[in-house]
Amino acid sequence: MRLKLSFTCKVLDYKYENYKVEFFTKENKLMMPVQIPEEWIKGSHPGEERLDDRLKALLGNLANY
């Protein structure tokens, strides 16, 4: 599954191995803030075009938002 998405995100906080992130549309409208566990980030390898399945599902759901 390829994700061809265009998001901007801003990391607000990092606490207890979780990132608090805000996602924005192409028009810079706030979509929603989310908590992303550090393990989802560590399980991703963008250079190899591999994302952790849970992060991929989150981004796919945001695309439908």
Protein backbone atom coordinates (compact mmCIF):
# COMPACT_ATOMS: atom_id res chain seq x y z
CA MET A 1 0.00 0.00 0.00
CA ARG A 2 1.41 3.37 -1.00
CA LEU A 3 0.38 6.50 0.81
CA LYS A 4 0.37 9.55 -1.42
CA LEU A 5 -0.59 12.11 1.17
CA SER A 6 0.27 15.71 1.80
CA PHE A 7 0.31 16.66 5.45
CA THR A 8 2.17 19.14 7.55
CA CYS A 9 2.75 18.23 11.14
CA LYS A 10 4.05 19.97 14.20
CA VAL A 11 5.40 18.15 17.25
CA LEU A 12 4.04 19.87 20.36
CA ASP A 13 5.39 17.71 23.13
CA TYR A 14 7.30 14.55 23.94
CA LYS A 15 6.46 12.83 27.19
CA TYR A 16 6.56 9.23 28.42
CA GLU A 17 7.79 7.94 25.03
CA ASN A 18 4.86 9.55 23.18
CA TYR A 19 4.85 12.44 20.75
CA LYS A 20 1.93 14.87 20.77
CA VAL A 21 1.56 15.96 17.14
CA GLU A 22 -0.81 18.29 15.29
CA PHE A 23 -1.58 17.51 11.66
CA PHE A 24 -2.57 20.20 9.17
CA THR A 25 -4.11 20.08 5.68
CA LYS A 26 -2.42 21.52 2.60
CA GLU A 27 -4.33 24.73 3.37
CA ASN A 28 -2.80 24.84 6.89
CA LYS A 29 -6.09 23.99 8.60
CA LEU A 30 -5.72 21.97 11.78
CA MET A 31 -7.01 18.44 11.28
CA MET A 32 -6.46 17.05 14.76
CA PRO A 33 -3.87 16.55 17.46
CA VAL A 34 -2.80 12.94 18.07
CA GLN A 35 -0.48 10.95 20.33
CA ILE A 36 2.08 8.87 18.45
CA PRO A 37 4.12 6.33 20.42
CA GLU A 38 7.87 6.46 19.85
CA GLU A 39 7.88 2.78 18.82
CA TRP A 40 5.77 3.67 15.75
CA ILE A 41 8.45 6.15 14.69
CA LYS A 42 11.29 3.73 15.37
CA GLY A 43 9.48 1.02 13.39
CA SER A 44 9.39 3.25 10.30
CA HIS A 45 12.08 3.64 7.65
CA PRO A 46 11.10 6.46 5.25
CA GLY A 47 14.25 6.00 3.13
CA GLU A 48 13.05 2.47 2.39
CA GLU A 49 9.45 3.67 2.08
CA ARG A 50 8.44 1.52 5.07
CA LEU A 51 6.11 2.77 7.78
CA ASP A 52 5.01 1.00 10.91
CA ASP A 53 1.59 -0.51 10.13
CA ARG A 54 -0.06 1.42 12.97
CA LEU A 55 1.40 4.73 11.78
CA LYS A 56 0.33 3.89 8.24
CA ALA A 57 -3.22 3.22 9.47
CA LEU A 58 -3.29 6.52 11.37
CA LEU A 59 -2.13 8.48 8.31
CA GLY A 60 -4.62 6.63 6.12
CA ASN A 61 -7.43 7.56 8.52
CA LEU A 62 -6.29 11.19 8.54
CA ALA A 63 -6.45 11.22 4.74
CA ASN A 64 -10.15 10.30 5.00
CA TYR A 65 -10.79 13.00 7.61
